[in-house]
Protein backbone atom coordinates (compact mmCIF):
# COMPACT_ATOMS: atom_id res chain seq x y z
CA UNK A 1 -66.37 -29.64 66.41
CA UNK A 2 -66.24 -26.60 67.74
CA UNK A 3 -63.43 -28.35 69.95
CA UNK A 4 -61.08 -29.00 66.44
CA UNK A 5 -62.05 -24.91 65.76
CA UNK A 6 -60.70 -23.83 68.96
CA UNK A 7 -57.41 -25.77 67.99
CA UNK A 8 -56.79 -24.31 65.09
CA UNK A 9 -57.20 -20.74 65.92
CA UNK A 10 -54.59 -21.62 69.46
CA UNK A 11 -51.82 -22.88 66.78
CA UNK A 12 -52.39 -20.15 64.19
CA UNK A 13 -51.86 -17.25 67.67
CA UNK A 14 -48.82 -19.65 68.82
CA UNK A 15 -47.11 -19.36 65.46
CA UNK A 16 -47.42 -16.23 65.46
CA UNK A 17 -45.81 -15.07 67.83
CA UNK A 18 -41.79 -14.82 68.53
CA UNK A 19 -40.89 -18.09 70.87
CA UNK A 20 -40.72 -16.41 74.40
CA UNK A 21 -37.11 -17.54 75.42
CA UNK A 22 -35.96 -14.52 72.04
CA UNK A 23 -35.73 -11.29 73.98
CA UNK A 24 -35.43 -8.27 71.92
CA UNK A 25 -31.96 -6.89 72.32
CA UNK A 26 -31.47 -4.85 69.27
CA UNK A 27 -28.10 -5.91 68.89
CA UNK A 28 -26.47 -5.76 65.94
CA UNK A 29 -23.18 -5.51 63.77
CA UNK A 30 -24.32 -3.71 60.17
CA UNK A 31 -22.55 -1.10 57.66
CA UNK A 32 -23.58 2.08 57.83
CA UNK A 33 -24.49 4.60 54.65
CA UNK A 34 -21.08 5.89 54.62
CA UNK A 35 -19.70 2.46 54.77
CA UNK A 36 -18.21 1.91 58.47
CA UNK A 37 -18.89 -1.06 60.29
CA UNK A 38 -20.96 -0.22 63.12
CA UNK A 39 -22.89 -2.24 66.01
CA UNK A 40 -25.69 -1.19 68.41
CA UNK A 41 -22.62 0.27 70.67
CA UNK A 42 -21.93 2.89 68.35
CA UNK A 43 -25.25 4.74 69.13
CA UNK A 44 -24.32 4.32 73.31
CA UNK A 45 -25.56 7.50 74.46
CA UNK A 46 -28.06 7.98 72.37
CA UNK A 47 -31.80 7.34 72.20
CA UNK A 48 -32.64 5.59 68.44
CA UNK A 49 -35.27 5.84 67.05
CA UNK A 50 -34.73 1.80 64.61
CA UNK A 51 -37.17 0.69 61.62
CA UNK A 52 -37.49 -2.23 59.47
CA UNK A 53 -37.88 -1.36 55.39
CA UNK A 54 -36.31 -0.97 51.92
CA UNK A 55 -36.32 1.93 49.53
CA UNK A 56 -37.66 0.24 46.95
CA UNK A 57 -41.05 0.50 50.02
CA UNK A 58 -44.24 2.34 48.00
CA UNK A 59 -45.90 3.83 50.58
CA UNK A 60 -45.41 2.17 54.77
CA UNK A 61 -41.42 2.80 55.09
CA UNK A 62 -41.32 6.44 53.41
CA UNK A 63 -44.45 7.61 55.80
CA UNK A 64 -42.29 6.41 58.72
CA UNK A 65 -39.27 7.99 58.57
CA UNK A 66 -41.23 10.97 57.11
CA UNK A 67 -43.02 10.76 60.84
CA UNK A 68 -39.47 9.92 62.55
CA UNK A 69 -38.38 13.28 61.04
CA UNK A 70 -40.84 15.25 61.96
CA UNK A 71 -40.81 14.34 65.88
CA UNK A 72 -37.45 15.28 65.44
CA UNK A 73 -38.60 18.69 63.91
CA UNK A 74 -41.25 18.40 67.20
CA UNK A 75 -38.09 18.17 69.63
CA UNK A 76 -36.25 20.74 68.47
CA UNK A 77 -32.48 20.77 70.97
CA UNK A 78 -33.76 17.27 72.79
CA UNK A 79 -33.78 15.79 68.90
CA UNK A 80 -30.10 15.91 69.38
CA UNK A 81 -29.96 13.24 71.95
CA UNK A 82 -32.10 10.74 69.10
CA UNK A 83 -30.00 8.66 66.18
CA UNK A 84 -32.69 7.18 63.72
CA UNK A 85 -31.74 3.70 62.66
CA UNK A 86 -33.20 3.00 58.85
CA UNK A 87 -31.97 -0.50 58.64
CA UNK A 88 -32.68 -3.05 55.19
CA UNK A 89 -34.00 -5.48 54.19
CA UNK A 90 -33.36 -5.56 50.83
CA UNK A 91 -29.15 -5.62 51.14
CA UNK A 92 -29.01 -6.53 47.02
CA UNK A 93 -30.12 -2.80 46.05
CA UNK A 94 -30.27 -1.08 48.86
CA UNK A 95 -26.46 -0.57 49.16
CA UNK A 96 -24.43 2.06 51.52
CA UNK A 97 -24.46 4.91 48.67
CA UNK A 98 -27.88 4.16 47.92
CA UNK A 99 -28.89 3.97 51.36
CA UNK A 100 -27.51 7.79 51.89
CA UNK A 101 -28.79 9.30 48.85
CA UNK A 102 -32.35 7.69 50.16
CA UNK A 103 -31.50 9.20 54.06
CA UNK A 104 -31.03 12.45 53.12
CA UNK A 105 -34.58 13.39 52.05
CA UNK A 106 -35.32 12.82 55.52
CA UNK A 107 -32.51 14.47 56.91
CA UNK A 108 -29.01 14.97 57.85
CA UNK A 109 -29.50 12.82 61.78
CA UNK A 110 -30.94 9.90 58.95
CA UNK A 111 -28.25 6.49 59.07
CA UNK A 112 -29.59 4.34 56.86
CA UNK A 113 -27.35 0.44 57.19
CA UNK A 114 -27.10 -2.53 55.60
CA UNK A 115 -24.70 -5.66 54.90
CA UNK A 116 -24.68 -8.97 54.07
CA UNK A 117 -28.07 -11.26 53.57
CA UNK A 118 -27.04 -13.04 56.99
CA UNK A 119 -25.78 -9.87 58.77
CA UNK A 120 -29.60 -8.09 57.91
CA UNK A 121 -30.66 -11.30 59.13
CA UNK A 122 -29.50 -11.41 62.40
CA UNK A 123 -30.16 -8.21 63.05
CA UNK A 124 -34.05 -8.64 62.27
CA UNK A 125 -33.65 -11.77 64.57
CA UNK A 126 -32.79 -9.88 67.49
CA UNK A 127 -34.95 -6.90 67.37
CA UNK A 128 -37.66 -9.72 66.98
CA UNK A 129 -38.81 -8.42 63.05
CA UNK A 130 -39.73 -10.20 60.25
CA UNK A 131 -39.96 -10.09 56.86
CA UNK A 132 -40.53 -11.96 53.44
CA UNK A 133 -39.00 -11.15 50.00
CA UNK A 134 -41.88 -12.04 47.30
CA UNK A 135 -40.71 -13.22 43.70
CA UNK A 136 -39.86 -11.35 40.95
CA UNK A 137 -42.60 -10.54 38.26
CA UNK A 138 -41.12 -10.86 34.85
CA UNK A 139 -39.32 -6.96 35.14
CA UNK A 140 -37.39 -8.11 38.15
CA UNK A 141 -39.51 -5.88 40.19
CA UNK A 142 -40.45 -7.46 43.98
CA UNK A 143 -41.57 -6.43 46.80
CA UNK A 144 -40.55 -7.49 50.80
CA UNK A 145 -43.66 -7.91 53.74
CA UNK A 146 -41.46 -6.54 57.43
CA UNK A 147 -42.52 -5.98 60.00
CA UNK A 148 -42.90 -2.01 60.89
CA UNK A 149 -43.23 0.09 63.20
CA UNK A 150 -40.71 2.00 65.24
CA UNK A 151 -38.72 0.96 68.01
CA UNK A 152 -37.53 3.01 70.63
CA UNK A 153 -34.35 2.20 72.15
CA UNK A 154 -32.84 3.64 75.55
CA UNK A 155 -29.41 5.27 76.01
CA UNK A 156 -27.18 2.33 76.47
CA UNK A 157 -29.95 0.09 73.73
CA UNK A 158 -32.74 -1.19 76.31
CA UNK A 159 -35.62 -1.52 74.06
CA UNK A 160 -38.60 0.85 75.82
CA UNK A 161 -41.50 0.81 72.94
CA UNK A 162 -42.67 -0.63 69.68
CA UNK A 163 -44.69 2.54 68.26
CA UNK A 164 -47.59 1.17 64.98
CA UNK A 165 -45.94 1.87 61.60
CA UNK A 166 -49.46 4.88 61.68
CA UNK A 167 -47.97 6.37 64.60
CA UNK A 168 -47.95 10.29 64.74
CA UNK A 169 -45.29 12.46 65.39
CA UNK A 170 -46.70 14.09 68.75
CA UNK A 171 -46.19 9.81 69.87
CA UNK A 172 -43.00 9.38 69.04
CA UNK A 173 -41.80 12.73 70.70
CA UNK A 174 -43.69 11.34 74.15
CA UNK A 175 -41.84 8.66 73.67
CA UNK A 176 -38.36 10.05 73.54
CA UNK A 177 -39.62 12.36 75.74
CA UNK A 178 -40.13 9.93 79.16
CA UNK A 179 -36.38 8.75 78.35
CA UNK A 180 -35.51 12.86 78.52
CA UNK A 181 -38.20 13.80 81.21
CA UNK A 182 -36.78 11.07 84.17
CA UNK A 183 -32.35 11.42 83.01
CA UNK A 184 -33.27 15.04 84.11
CA UNK A 185 -34.67 14.37 86.63
CA UNK A 186 -31.15 12.11 87.73
CA UNK A 187 -28.86 14.77 86.44
CA UNK A 188 -30.51 17.43 88.46
CA UNK A 189 -28.82 17.76 92.42
CA UNK A 190 -31.96 19.68 93.25
């Protein structure tokens, strides 16, 4: 009997982990909140803070975006080296126009990204992010379970780290400065 319980626990653990063959690539082809088609290469040269969510999210998304905004404030002039990206998992409601208004609440650097359901699903797959849209209630209101947190991508779009959605602004700053500091050292001729 003990073996059956252990086997069941192992199966649950295996199913919860993404396939090892799936790499976190950070690739995407989406539309920004100004209706331009963009890819991850559109942001080459910038350190990226990427989060998935939706604008109707009651708590996690606005909190995560506020943390990112506070981190940018703490970075001061170094914030010019960073681009914060919000990839919606709700393209039905999160149109480019709606995203533009929502992003403005967090600061002028924030970029909202949307696309077709297929484009959003592919972007999520490339980040190993998951989401599930719940059935709407009688009033048509629905919620979405989604991977929460902040993906830190380097200037070439390489994955550096994933911070929890409970990360502090200081933790985000530390992750960004870990990229900036080696860049500064390699640029220093002395």
